[in-house]
């Protein structure tokens, strides 16, 4: 019997994310910003939201979808990541809940 995964569909909202950004997370997505000349752009490019000005790294954060949980992990970003005001330890997985506020650098995003 095959274990079929239902993808997560999430919405990123915030003062600087307008209109909200809807994402489908089947397995993993990397959020960050593109940079000309750098290989491996992120899956979700936040450049249009002034990501560089807010300290978002090129490969800042990973979203991981599992059957019953969505989680995030800071990818050793230069300016760090906060989850509801608490600084994340890089490379450590944290569960994500509806309406959590995540700061990628200084860019606030509601999930």
PDB file of N, CA and C in Angstrom:
ATOM      1  N   UNK A   1       0.847  -1.184   0.000  1.00  0.00           N
ATOM      2  CA  UNK A   1       0.000   0.000   0.000  1.00  0.00           C
ATOM      3  C   UNK A   1       0.891   1.245   0.000  1.00  0.00           C
ATOM      4  N   UNK A   2       0.589   2.200  -0.827  1.00  0.00           N
ATOM      5  CA  UNK A   2       1.366   3.421  -0.949  1.00  0.00           C
ATOM      6  C   UNK A   2       0.839   4.475   0.015  1.00  0.00           C
ATOM      7  N   UNK A   3       1.782   5.154   0.677  1.00  0.00           N
ATOM      8  CA  UNK A   3       1.410   6.228   1.591  1.00  0.00           C
ATOM      9  C   UNK A   3       1.344   7.531   0.801  1.00  0.00           C
ATOM     10  N   UNK A   4       0.147   7.965   0.464  1.00  0.00           N
ATOM     11  CA  UNK A   4      -0.029   9.191  -0.290  1.00  0.00           C
ATOM     12  C   UNK A   4      -0.018  10.382   0.646  1.00  0.00           C
ATOM     13  N   UNK A   5       0.815  11.366   0.324  1.00  0.00           N
ATOM     14  CA  UNK A   5       0.893  12.576   1.133  1.00  0.00           C
ATOM     15  C   UNK A   5      -0.007  13.651   0.555  1.00  0.00           C
ATOM     16  N   UNK A   6      -0.720  14.302   1.419  1.00  0.00           N
ATOM     17  CA  UNK A   6      -1.505  15.455   1.015  1.00  0.00           C
ATOM     18  C   UNK A   6      -0.618  16.678   1.182  1.00  0.00           C
ATOM     19  N   UNK A   7      -0.479  17.492   0.138  1.00  0.00           N
ATOM     20  CA  UNK A   7       0.394  18.661   0.269  1.00  0.00           C
ATOM     21  C   UNK A   7      -0.213  19.702   1.210  1.00  0.00           C
ATOM     22  N   UNK A   8       0.662  20.451   1.831  1.00  0.00           N
ATOM     23  CA  UNK A   8       0.250  21.591   2.637  1.00  0.00           C
ATOM     24  C   UNK A   8       0.086  22.784   1.705  1.00  0.00           C
ATOM     25  N   UNK A   9      -0.924  23.580   1.936  1.00  0.00           N
ATOM     26  CA  UNK A   9      -1.082  24.847   1.238  1.00  0.00           C
ATOM     27  C   UNK A   9      -1.088  25.912   2.323  1.00  0.00           C
ATOM     28  N   UNK A  10      -0.126  26.812   2.232  1.00  0.00           N
ATOM     29  CA  UNK A  10       0.009  27.835   3.265  1.00  0.00           C
ATOM     30  C   UNK A  10      -0.059  29.210   2.620  1.00  0.00           C
ATOM     31  N   UNK A  11      -0.287  30.188   3.465  1.00  0.00           N
ATOM     32  CA  UNK A  11      -0.348  31.565   3.014  1.00  0.00           C
ATOM     33  C   UNK A  11       0.599  32.384   3.878  1.00  0.00           C
ATOM     34  N   UNK A  12       1.453  33.150   3.230  1.00  0.00           N
ATOM     35  CA  UNK A  12       2.336  34.081   3.922  1.00  0.00           C
ATOM     36  C   UNK A  12       1.705  35.459   3.840  1.00  0.00           C
ATOM     37  N   UNK A  13       1.558  36.102   5.006  1.00  0.00           N
ATOM     38  CA  UNK A  13       0.946  37.421   5.065  1.00  0.00           C
ATOM     39  C   UNK A  13       1.853  38.353   5.855  1.00  0.00           C
ATOM     40  N   UNK A  14       1.652  39.615   5.650  1.00  0.00           N
ATOM     41  CA  UNK A  14       2.380  40.602   6.431  1.00  0.00           C
ATOM     42  C   UNK A  14       2.290  41.964   5.789  1.00  0.00           C
ATOM     43  N   UNK A  15       2.725  42.949   6.528  1.00  0.00           N
ATOM     44  CA  UNK A  15       2.697  44.325   6.051  1.00  0.00           C
ATOM     45  C   UNK A  15       3.450  44.455   4.725  1.00  0.00           C
ATOM     46  N   UNK A  16       4.542  43.713   4.576  1.00  0.00           N
ATOM     47  CA  UNK A  16       5.374  43.815   3.384  1.00  0.00           C
ATOM     48  C   UNK A  16       5.065  42.732   2.356  1.00  0.00           C
ATOM     49  N   UNK A  17       4.220  41.770   2.719  1.00  0.00           N
ATOM     50  CA  UNK A  17       3.837  40.684   1.812  1.00  0.00           C
ATOM     51  C   UNK A  17       2.397  40.947   1.392  1.00  0.00           C
ATOM     52  N   UNK A  18       2.239  41.801   0.396  1.00  0.00           N
ATOM     53  CA  UNK A  18       0.913  42.206  -0.019  1.00  0.00           C
ATOM     54  C   UNK A  18       0.852  42.234  -1.539  1.00  0.00           C
ATOM     55  N   UNK A  19      -0.016  41.439  -2.158  1.00  0.00           N
ATOM     56  CA  UNK A  19      -1.005  40.548  -1.564  1.00  0.00           C
ATOM     57  C   UNK A  19      -0.340  39.334  -0.936  1.00  0.00           C
ATOM     58  N   UNK A  20      -1.094  38.591  -0.095  1.00  0.00           N
ATOM     59  CA  UNK A  20      -0.534  37.385   0.526  1.00  0.00           C
ATOM     60  C   UNK A  20      -0.008  36.410  -0.532  1.00  0.00           C
ATOM     61  N   UNK A  21       0.992  35.664  -0.139  1.00  0.00           N
ATOM     62  CA  UNK A  21       1.652  34.713  -1.029  1.00  0.00           C
ATOM     63  C   UNK A  21       1.225  33.306  -0.650  1.00  0.00           C
ATOM     64  N   UNK A  22       0.568  32.601  -1.576  1.00  0.00           N
ATOM     65  CA  UNK A  22       0.126  31.232  -1.312  1.00  0.00           C
ATOM     66  C   UNK A  22       1.174  30.271  -1.851  1.00  0.00           C
ATOM     67  N   UNK A  23       1.506  29.271  -1.029  1.00  0.00           N
ATOM     68  CA  UNK A  23       2.524  28.291  -1.392  1.00  0.00           C
ATOM     69  C   UNK A  23       2.003  26.884  -1.180  1.00  0.00           C
ATOM     70  N   UNK A  24       2.392  26.001  -2.060  1.00  0.00           N
ATOM     71  CA  UNK A  24       2.110  24.578  -1.900  1.00  0.00           C
ATOM     72  C   UNK A  24       3.417  23.923  -1.451  1.00  0.00           C
ATOM     73  N   UNK A  25       3.348  23.214  -0.336  1.00  0.00           N
ATOM     74  CA  UNK A  25       4.527  22.544   0.204  1.00  0.00           C
ATOM     75  C   UNK A  25       4.280  21.042   0.135  1.00  0.00           C
ATOM     76  N   UNK A  26       4.874  20.400  -0.860  1.00  0.00           N
ATOM     77  CA  UNK A  26       4.745  18.951  -1.005  1.00  0.00           C
ATOM     78  C   UNK A  26       5.740  18.225  -0.116  1.00  0.00           C
ATOM     79  N   UNK A  27       6.941  18.750  -0.040  1.00  0.00           N
ATOM     80  CA  UNK A  27       8.012  18.128   0.737  1.00  0.00           C
ATOM     81  C   UNK A  27       8.803  19.205   1.464  1.00  0.00           C
ATOM     82  N   UNK A  28       9.632  19.924   0.716  1.00  0.00           N
ATOM     83  CA  UNK A  28      10.455  20.990   1.290  1.00  0.00           C
ATOM     84  C   UNK A  28      10.481  22.186   0.354  1.00  0.00           C
ATOM     85  N   UNK A  29      10.561  23.365   0.947  1.00  0.00           N
ATOM     86  CA  UNK A  29      10.741  24.598   0.193  1.00  0.00           C
ATOM     87  C   UNK A  29      11.768  25.448   0.920  1.00  0.00           C
ATOM     88  N   UNK A  30      12.659  26.061   0.161  1.00  0.00           N
ATOM     89  CA  UNK A  30      13.627  26.993   0.728  1.00  0.00           C
ATOM     90  C   UNK A  30      13.168  28.403   0.395  1.00  0.00           C
ATOM     91  N   UNK A  31      13.079  29.249   1.431  1.00  0.00           N
ATOM     92  CA  UNK A  31      12.737  30.656   1.260  1.00  0.00           C
ATOM     93  C   UNK A  31      14.005  31.473   1.362  1.00  0.00           C
ATOM     94  N   UNK A  32      14.099  32.497   0.545  1.00  0.00           N
ATOM     95  CA  UNK A  32      15.264  33.370   0.567  1.00  0.00           C
ATOM     96  C   UNK A  32      15.130  34.416  -0.517  1.00  0.00           C
ATOM     97  N   UNK A  33      16.285  34.830  -1.038  1.00  0.00           N
ATOM     98  CA  UNK A  33      16.263  35.819  -2.117  1.00  0.00           C
ATOM     99  C   UNK A  33      17.300  35.434  -3.166  1.00  0.00           C
ATOM    100  N   UNK A  34      16.963  35.716  -4.393  1.00  0.00           N
ATOM    101  CA  UNK A  34      17.860  35.406  -5.500  1.00  0.00           C
ATOM    102  C   UNK A  34      18.985  36.435  -5.530  1.00  0.00           C
ATOM    103  N   UNK A  35      20.122  36.006  -6.044  1.00  0.00           N
ATOM    104  CA  UNK A  35      21.266  36.896  -6.200  1.00  0.00           C
ATOM    105  C   UNK A  35      21.955  36.509  -7.495  1.00  0.00           C
ATOM    106  N   UNK A  36      22.086  37.460  -8.405  1.00  0.00           N
ATOM    107  CA  UNK A  36      22.707  37.198  -9.699  1.00  0.00           C
ATOM    108  C   UNK A  36      24.121  36.680  -9.485  1.00  0.00           C
ATOM    109  N   UNK A  37      24.442  35.610 -10.171  1.00  0.00           N
ATOM    110  CA  UNK A  37      25.787  35.052 -10.081  1.00  0.00           C
ATOM    111  C   UNK A  37      25.958  34.015  -8.995  1.00  0.00           C
ATOM    112  N   UNK A  38      24.946  33.817  -8.164  1.00  0.00           N
ATOM    113  CA  UNK A  38      25.015  32.816  -7.105  1.00  0.00           C
ATOM    114  C   UNK A  38      24.178  31.615  -7.541  1.00  0.00           C
ATOM    115  N   UNK A  39      24.793  30.455  -7.508  1.00  0.00           N
ATOM    116  CA  UNK A  39      24.083  29.234  -7.906  1.00  0.00           C
ATOM    117  C   UNK A  39      23.081  28.829  -6.827  1.00  0.00           C
ATOM    118  N   UNK A  40      22.084  28.068  -7.229  1.00  0.00           N
ATOM    119  CA  UNK A  40      21.125  27.522  -6.274  1.00  0.00           C
ATOM    120  C   UNK A  40      20.170  28.538  -5.693  1.00  0.00           C
ATOM    121  N   UNK A  41      19.351  29.196  -6.551  1.00  0.00           N
ATOM    122  CA  UNK A  41      18.381  30.152  -6.000  1.00  0.00           C
ATOM    123  C   UNK A  41      17.373  29.436  -5.106  1.00  0.00           C
ATOM    124  N   UNK A  42      16.722  30.170  -4.201  1.00  0.00           N
ATOM    125  CA  UNK A  42      15.727  29.543  -3.327  1.00  0.00           C
ATOM    126  C   UNK A  42      14.506  29.115  -4.125  1.00  0.00           C
ATOM    127  N   UNK A  43      13.731  28.213  -3.549  1.00  0.00           N
ATOM    128  CA  UNK A  43      12.479  27.798  -4.185  1.00  0.00           C
ATOM    129  C   UNK A  43      11.474  28.941  -4.206  1.00  0.00           C
ATOM    130  N   UNK A  44      11.475  29.742  -3.152  1.00  0.00           N
ATOM    131  CA  UNK A  44      10.583  30.900  -3.039  1.00  0.00           C
ATOM    132  C   UNK A  44      11.458  32.137  -2.890  1.00  0.00           C
ATOM    133  N   UNK A  45      11.417  32.986  -3.906  1.00  0.00           N
ATOM    134  CA  UNK A  45      12.251  34.190  -3.949  1.00  0.00           C
ATOM    135  C   UNK A  45      11.478  35.368  -3.370  1.00  0.00           C
ATOM    136  N   UNK A  46      11.958  35.905  -2.261  1.00  0.00           N
ATOM    137  CA  UNK A  46      11.294  37.017  -1.575  1.00  0.00           C
ATOM    138  C   UNK A  46      11.875  38.375  -1.963  1.00  0.00           C
ATOM    139  N   UNK A  47      12.679  38.414  -3.025  1.00  0.00           N
ATOM    140  CA  UNK A  47      13.339  39.648  -3.447  1.00  0.00           C
ATOM    141  C   UNK A  47      12.357  40.793  -3.656  1.00  0.00           C
ATOM    142  N   UNK A  48      11.195  40.514  -4.253  1.00  0.00           N
ATOM    143  CA  UNK A  48      10.245  41.594  -4.558  1.00  0.00           C
ATOM    144  C   UNK A  48       9.674  42.247  -3.300  1.00  0.00           C
ATOM    145  N   UNK A  49       9.887  41.633  -2.142  1.00  0.00           N
ATOM    146  CA  UNK A  49       9.414  42.196  -0.869  1.00  0.00           C
ATOM    147  C   UNK A  49      10.549  42.908  -0.140  1.00  0.00           C
ATOM    148  N   UNK A  50      11.527  43.415  -0.886  1.00  0.00           N
ATOM    149  CA  UNK A  50      12.697  44.111  -0.340  1.00  0.00           C
ATOM    150  C   UNK A  50      13.462  43.232   0.654  1.00  0.00           C
ATOM    151  N   UNK A  51      13.558  41.951   0.329  1.00  0.00           N
ATOM    152  CA  UNK A  51      14.182  40.977   1.221  1.00  0.00           C
ATOM    153  C   UNK A  51      15.619  41.348   1.580  1.00  0.00           C
ATOM    154  N   UNK A  52      16.383  41.841   0.625  1.00  0.00           N
ATOM    155  CA  UNK A  52      17.779  42.205   0.913  1.00  0.00           C
ATOM    156  C   UNK A  52      17.837  43.322   1.953  1.00  0.00           C
ATOM    157  N   UNK A  53      16.951  44.299   1.828  1.00  0.00           N
ATOM    158  CA  UNK A  53      16.920  45.420   2.778  1.00  0.00           C
ATOM    159  C   UNK A  53      16.559  44.970   4.195  1.00  0.00           C
ATOM    160  N   UNK A  54      15.800  43.885   4.301  1.00  0.00           N
ATOM    161  CA  UNK A  54      15.368  43.382   5.606  1.00  0.00           C
ATOM    162  C   UNK A  54      16.263  42.260   6.140  1.00  0.00           C
ATOM    163  N   UNK A  55      17.367  42.010   5.470  1.00  0.00           N
ATOM    164  CA  UNK A  55      18.330  41.050   5.999  1.00  0.00           C
ATOM    165  C   UNK A  55      18.006  39.597   5.741  1.00  0.00           C
ATOM    166  N   UNK A  56      17.221  39.318   4.700  1.00  0.00           N
ATOM    167  CA  UNK A  56      16.913  37.938   4.342  1.00  0.00           C
ATOM    168  C   UNK A  56      18.099  37.364   3.565  1.00  0.00           C
ATOM    169  N   UNK A  57      18.554  36.207   3.983  1.00  0.00           N
ATOM    170  CA  UNK A  57      19.676  35.549   3.304  1.00  0.00           C
ATOM    171  C   UNK A  57      19.223  34.909   2.000  1.00  0.00           C
ATOM    172  N   UNK A  58      20.196  34.544   1.181  1.00  0.00           N
ATOM    173  CA  UNK A  58      19.884  33.918  -0.113  1.00  0.00           C
ATOM    174  C   UNK A  58      19.155  32.600   0.088  1.00  0.00           C
ATOM    175  N   UNK A  59      19.593  31.806   1.026  1.00  0.00           N
ATOM    176  CA  UNK A  59      18.924  30.551   1.404  1.00  0.00           C
ATOM    177  C   UNK A  59      18.709  30.655   2.915  1.00  0.00           C
ATOM    178  N   UNK A  60      17.599  31.255   3.292  1.00  0.00           N
ATOM    179  CA  UNK A  60      17.371  31.665   4.674  1.00  0.00           C
ATOM    180  C   UNK A  60      16.697  30.591   5.530  1.00  0.00           C
ATOM    181  N   UNK A  61      15.608  30.030   5.031  1.00  0.00           N
ATOM    182  CA  UNK A  61      14.729  29.199   5.842  1.00  0.00           C
ATOM    183  C   UNK A  61      14.197  28.039   5.011  1.00  0.00           C
ATOM    184  N   UNK A  62      14.078  26.888   5.651  1.00  0.00           N
ATOM    185  CA  UNK A  62      13.479  25.737   4.974  1.00  0.00           C
ATOM    186  C   UNK A  62      12.155  25.399   5.633  1.00  0.00           C
ATOM    187  N   UNK A  63      11.127  25.214   4.800  1.00  0.00           N
ATOM    188  CA  UNK A  63       9.834  24.696   5.249  1.00  0.00           C
ATOM    189  C   UNK A  63       9.817  23.212   4.919  1.00  0.00           C
ATOM    190  N   UNK A  64       9.387  22.392   5.860  1.00  0.00           N
ATOM    191  CA  UNK A  64       9.318  20.959   5.621  1.00  0.00           C
ATOM    192  C   UNK A  64       7.922  20.471   5.967  1.00  0.00           C
ATOM    193  N   UNK A  65       7.312  19.757   5.016  1.00  0.00           N
ATOM    194  CA  UNK A  65       5.970  19.221   5.207  1.00  0.00           C
ATOM    195  C   UNK A  65       6.057  17.748   5.561  1.00  0.00           C
ATOM    196  N   UNK A  66       5.387  17.398   6.621  1.00  0.00           N
ATOM    197  CA  UNK A  66       5.231  16.000   6.982  1.00  0.00           C
ATOM    198  C   UNK A  66       3.736  15.739   7.041  1.00  0.00           C
ATOM    199  N   UNK A  67       3.364  14.517   7.262  1.00  0.00           N
ATOM    200  CA  UNK A  67       1.951  14.139   7.216  1.00  0.00           C
ATOM    201  C   UNK A  67       1.077  15.010   8.115  1.00  0.00           C
ATOM    202  N   UNK A  68       1.507  15.220   9.354  1.00  0.00           N
ATOM    203  CA  UNK A  68       0.666  15.951  10.300  1.00  0.00           C
ATOM    204  C   UNK A  68       1.318  17.197  10.879  1.00  0.00           C
ATOM    205  N   UNK A  69       2.442  17.623  10.297  1.00  0.00           N
ATOM    206  CA  UNK A  69       3.137  18.777  10.862  1.00  0.00           C
ATOM    207  C   UNK A  69       3.926  19.514   9.785  1.00  0.00           C
ATOM    208  N   UNK A  70       3.871  20.834   9.839  1.00  0.00           N
ATOM    209  CA  UNK A  70       4.723  21.681   9.020  1.00  0.00           C
ATOM    210  C   UNK A  70       5.790  22.234   9.954  1.00  0.00           C
ATOM    211  N   UNK A  71       7.033  22.229   9.510  1.00  0.00           N
ATOM    212  CA  UNK A  71       8.111  22.714  10.369  1.00  0.00           C
ATOM    213  C   UNK A  71       9.017  23.662   9.594  1.00  0.00           C
ATOM    214  N   UNK A  72       9.826  24.414  10.350  1.00  0.00           N
ATOM    215  CA  UNK A  72      10.783  25.336   9.750  1.00  0.00           C
ATOM    216  C   UNK A  72      12.158  25.092  10.343  1.00  0.00           C
ATOM    217  N   UNK A  73      13.175  25.497   9.564  1.00  0.00           N
ATOM    218  CA  UNK A  73      14.549  25.383  10.021  1.00  0.00           C
ATOM    219  C   UNK A  73      15.353  26.533   9.425  1.00  0.00           C
ATOM    220  N   UNK A  74      16.045  27.270  10.263  1.00  0.00           N
ATOM    221  CA  UNK A  74      16.942  28.324   9.814  1.00  0.00           C
ATOM    222  C   UNK A  74      18.156  27.657   9.169  1.00  0.00           C
ATOM    223  N   UNK A  75      18.539  28.128   7.995  1.00  0.00           N
ATOM    224  CA  UNK A  75      19.641  27.528   7.240  1.00  0.00           C
ATOM    225  C   UNK A  75      20.947  28.300   7.441  1.00  0.00           C
ATOM    226  N   UNK A  76      21.282  28.569   8.706  1.00  0.00           N
ATOM    227  CA  UNK A  76      22.488  29.353   9.033  1.00  0.00           C
ATOM    228  C   UNK A  76      22.454  30.718   8.363  1.00  0.00           C
ATOM    229  N   UNK A  77      21.303  31.360   8.430  1.00  0.00           N
ATOM    230  CA  UNK A  77      21.139  32.677   7.809  1.00  0.00           C
ATOM    231  C   UNK A  77      22.018  33.710   8.512  1.00  0.00           C
ATOM    232  N   UNK A  78      22.401  34.719   7.767  1.00  0.00           N
ATOM    233  CA  UNK A  78      23.276  35.755   8.310  1.00  0.00           C
ATOM    234  C   UNK A  78      22.646  36.585   9.415  1.00  0.00           C
ATOM    235  N   UNK A  79      21.355  36.857   9.318  1.00  0.00           N
ATOM    236  CA  UNK A  79      20.682  37.709  10.297  1.00  0.00           C
ATOM    237  C   UNK A  79      19.697  36.959  11.182  1.00  0.00           C
ATOM    238  N   UNK A  80      19.678  35.649  11.088  1.00  0.00           N
ATOM    239  CA  UNK A  80      18.863  34.837  11.981  1.00  0.00           C
ATOM    240  C   UNK A  80      17.385  34.834  11.647  1.00  0.00           C
ATOM    241  N   UNK A  81      16.678  34.001  12.403  1.00  0.00           N
ATOM    242  CA  UNK A  81      15.236  33.835  12.253  1.00  0.00           C
ATOM    243  C   UNK A  81      14.609  33.808  13.637  1.00  0.00           C
ATOM    244  N   UNK A  82      13.475  34.486  13.777  1.00  0.00           N
ATOM    245  CA  UNK A  82      12.708  34.462  15.019  1.00  0.00           C
ATOM    246  C   UNK A  82      11.380  33.762  14.757  1.00  0.00           C
ATOM    247  N   UNK A  83      10.943  32.969  15.715  1.00  0.00           N
ATOM    248  CA  UNK A  83       9.625  32.340  15.676  1.00  0.00           C
ATOM    249  C   UNK A  83       8.861  32.836  16.885  1.00  0.00           C
ATOM    250  N   UNK A  84       7.844  33.668  16.643  1.00  0.00           N
ATOM    251  CA  UNK A  84       7.060  34.282  17.724  1.00  0.00           C
ATOM    252  C   UNK A  84       7.968  34.958  18.747  1.00  0.00           C
ATOM    253  N   UNK A  85       9.004  35.640  18.245  1.00  0.00           N
ATOM    254  CA  UNK A  85       9.903  36.411  19.094  1.00  0.00           C
ATOM    255  C   UNK A  85      11.104  35.655  19.648  1.00  0.00           C
ATOM    256  N   UNK A  86      11.141  34.347  19.497  1.00  0.00           N
ATOM    257  CA  UNK A  86      12.252  33.537  20.019  1.00  0.00           C
ATOM    258  C   UNK A  86      13.231  33.216  18.888  1.00  0.00           C
ATOM    259  N   UNK A  87      14.512  33.448  19.137  1.00  0.00           N
ATOM    260  CA  UNK A  87      15.535  33.192  18.126  1.00  0.00           C
ATOM    261  C   UNK A  87      15.704  31.696  17.903  1.00  0.00           C
ATOM    262  N   UNK A  88      15.710  31.292  16.636  1.00  0.00           N
ATOM    263  CA  UNK A  88      15.892  29.887  16.285  1.00  0.00           C
ATOM    264  C   UNK A  88      17.375  29.524  16.271  1.00  0.00           C
ATOM    265  N   UNK A  89      17.656  28.319  16.713  1.00  0.00           N
ATOM    266  CA  UNK A  89      18.997  27.768  16.605  1.00  0.00           C
ATOM    267  C   UNK A  89      19.138  27.256  15.171  1.00  0.00           C
ATOM    268  N   UNK A  90      20.167  27.692  14.435  1.00  0.00           N
ATOM    269  CA  UNK A  90      20.334  27.227  13.056  1.00  0.00           C
ATOM    270  C   UNK A  90      20.407  25.704  12.973  1.00  0.00           C
ATOM    271  N   UNK A  91      19.834  25.183  11.893  1.00  0.00           N
ATOM    272  CA  UNK A  91      19.840  23.750  11.582  1.00  0.00           C
ATOM    273  C   UNK A  91      18.995  22.911  12.542  1.00  0.00           C
ATOM    274  N   UNK A  92      18.189  23.548  13.393  1.00  0.00           N
ATOM    275  CA  UNK A  92      17.290  22.830  14.290  1.00  0.00           C
ATOM    276  C   UNK A  92      15.863  22.993  13.770  1.00  0.00           C
ATOM    277  N   UNK A  93      15.088  21.912  13.799  1.00  0.00           N
ATOM    278  CA  UNK A  93      13.723  21.908  13.272  1.00  0.00           C
ATOM    279  C   UNK A  93      12.738  22.360  14.359  1.00  0.00           C
ATOM    280  N   UNK A  94      11.823  23.255  13.974  1.00  0.00           N
ATOM    281  CA  UNK A  94      10.800  23.780  14.885  1.00  0.00           C
ATOM    282  C   UNK A  94       9.424  23.589  14.247  1.00  0.00           C
ATOM    283  N   UNK A  95       8.425  23.137  15.025  1.00  0.00           N
ATOM    284  CA  UNK A  95       7.075  23.018  14.478  1.00  0.00           C
ATOM    285  C   UNK A  95       6.479  24.399  14.212  1.00  0.00           C
ATOM    286  N   UNK A  96       5.688  24.477  13.169  1.00  0.00           N
ATOM    287  CA  UNK A  96       5.043  25.724  12.785  1.00  0.00           C
ATOM    288  C   UNK A  96       3.541  25.549  12.937  1.00  0.00           C
ATOM    289  N   UNK A  97       2.885  26.571  13.509  1.00  0.00           N
ATOM    290  CA  UNK A  97       1.441  26.524  13.713  1.00  0.00           C
ATOM    291  C   UNK A  97       0.766  27.669  12.961  1.00  0.00           C
ATOM    292  N   UNK A  98      -0.521  27.535  12.776  1.00  0.00           N
ATOM    293  CA  UNK A  98      -1.316  28.569  12.145  1.00  0.00           C
ATOM    294  C   UNK A  98      -1.135  29.890  12.890  1.00  0.00           C
ATOM    295  N   UNK A  99      -0.907  30.954  12.148  1.00  0.00           N
ATOM    296  CA  UNK A  99      -0.759  32.322  12.637  1.00  0.00           C
ATOM    297  C   UNK A  99       0.548  32.571  13.378  1.00  0.00           C
ATOM    298  N   UNK A 100       1.529  31.670  13.273  1.00  0.00           N
ATOM    299  CA  UNK A 100       2.851  31.956  13.827  1.00  0.00           C
ATOM    300  C   UNK A 100       3.458  33.131  13.065  1.00  0.00           C
ATOM    301  N   UNK A 101       4.226  33.945  13.796  1.00  0.00           N
ATOM    302  CA  UNK A 101       4.938  35.066  13.199  1.00  0.00           C
ATOM    303  C   UNK A 101       6.416  34.691  13.134  1.00  0.00           C
ATOM    304  N   UNK A 102       6.953  34.724  11.935  1.00  0.00           N
ATOM    305  CA  UNK A 102       8.355  34.395  11.703  1.00  0.00           C
ATOM    306  C   UNK A 102       9.037  35.631  11.136  1.00  0.00           C
ATOM    307  N   UNK A 103      10.177  35.986  11.714  1.00  0.00           N
ATOM    308  CA  UNK A 103      10.991  37.075  11.176  1.00  0.00           C
ATOM    309  C   UNK A 103      12.176  36.450  10.457  1.00  0.00           C
ATOM    310  N   UNK A 104      12.245  36.652   9.168  1.00  0.00           N
ATOM    311  CA  UNK A 104      13.409  36.252   8.390  1.00  0.00           C
ATOM    312  C   UNK A 104      14.304  37.484   8.368  1.00  0.00           C
ATOM    313  N   UNK A 105      15.353  37.478   9.165  1.00  0.00           N
ATOM    314  CA  UNK A 105      16.085  38.710   9.390  1.00  0.00           C
ATOM    315  C   UNK A 105      15.137  39.671  10.089  1.00  0.00           C
ATOM    316  N   UNK A 106      14.830  40.787   9.432  1.00  0.00           N
ATOM    317  CA  UNK A 106      13.887  41.765   9.988  1.00  0.00           C
ATOM    318  C   UNK A 106      12.572  41.794   9.206  1.00  0.00           C
ATOM    319  N   UNK A 107      12.343  40.795   8.345  1.00  0.00           N
ATOM    320  CA  UNK A 107      11.114  40.729   7.547  1.00  0.00           C
ATOM    321  C   UNK A 107      10.081  39.881   8.260  1.00  0.00           C
ATOM    322  N   UNK A 108       9.029  40.515   8.830  1.00  0.00           N
ATOM    323  CA  UNK A 108       8.004  39.751   9.544  1.00  0.00           C
ATOM    324  C   UNK A 108       7.004  39.112   8.584  1.00  0.00           C
ATOM    325  N   UNK A 109       6.732  37.824   8.828  1.00  0.00           N
ATOM    326  CA  UNK A 109       5.791  37.077   7.987  1.00  0.00           C
ATOM    327  C   UNK A 109       4.884  36.253   8.894  1.00  0.00           C
ATOM    328  N   UNK A 110       3.581  36.326   8.643  1.00  0.00           N
ATOM    329  CA  UNK A 110       2.633  35.473   9.368  1.00  0.00           C
ATOM    330  C   UNK A 110       2.312  34.275   8.501  1.00  0.00           C
ATOM    331  N   UNK A 111       2.411  33.101   9.083  1.00  0.00           N
ATOM    332  CA  UNK A 111       2.118  31.845   8.361  1.00  0.00           C
ATOM    333  C   UNK A 111       0.706  31.406   8.675  1.00  0.00           C
TER     334      UNK A 111
END
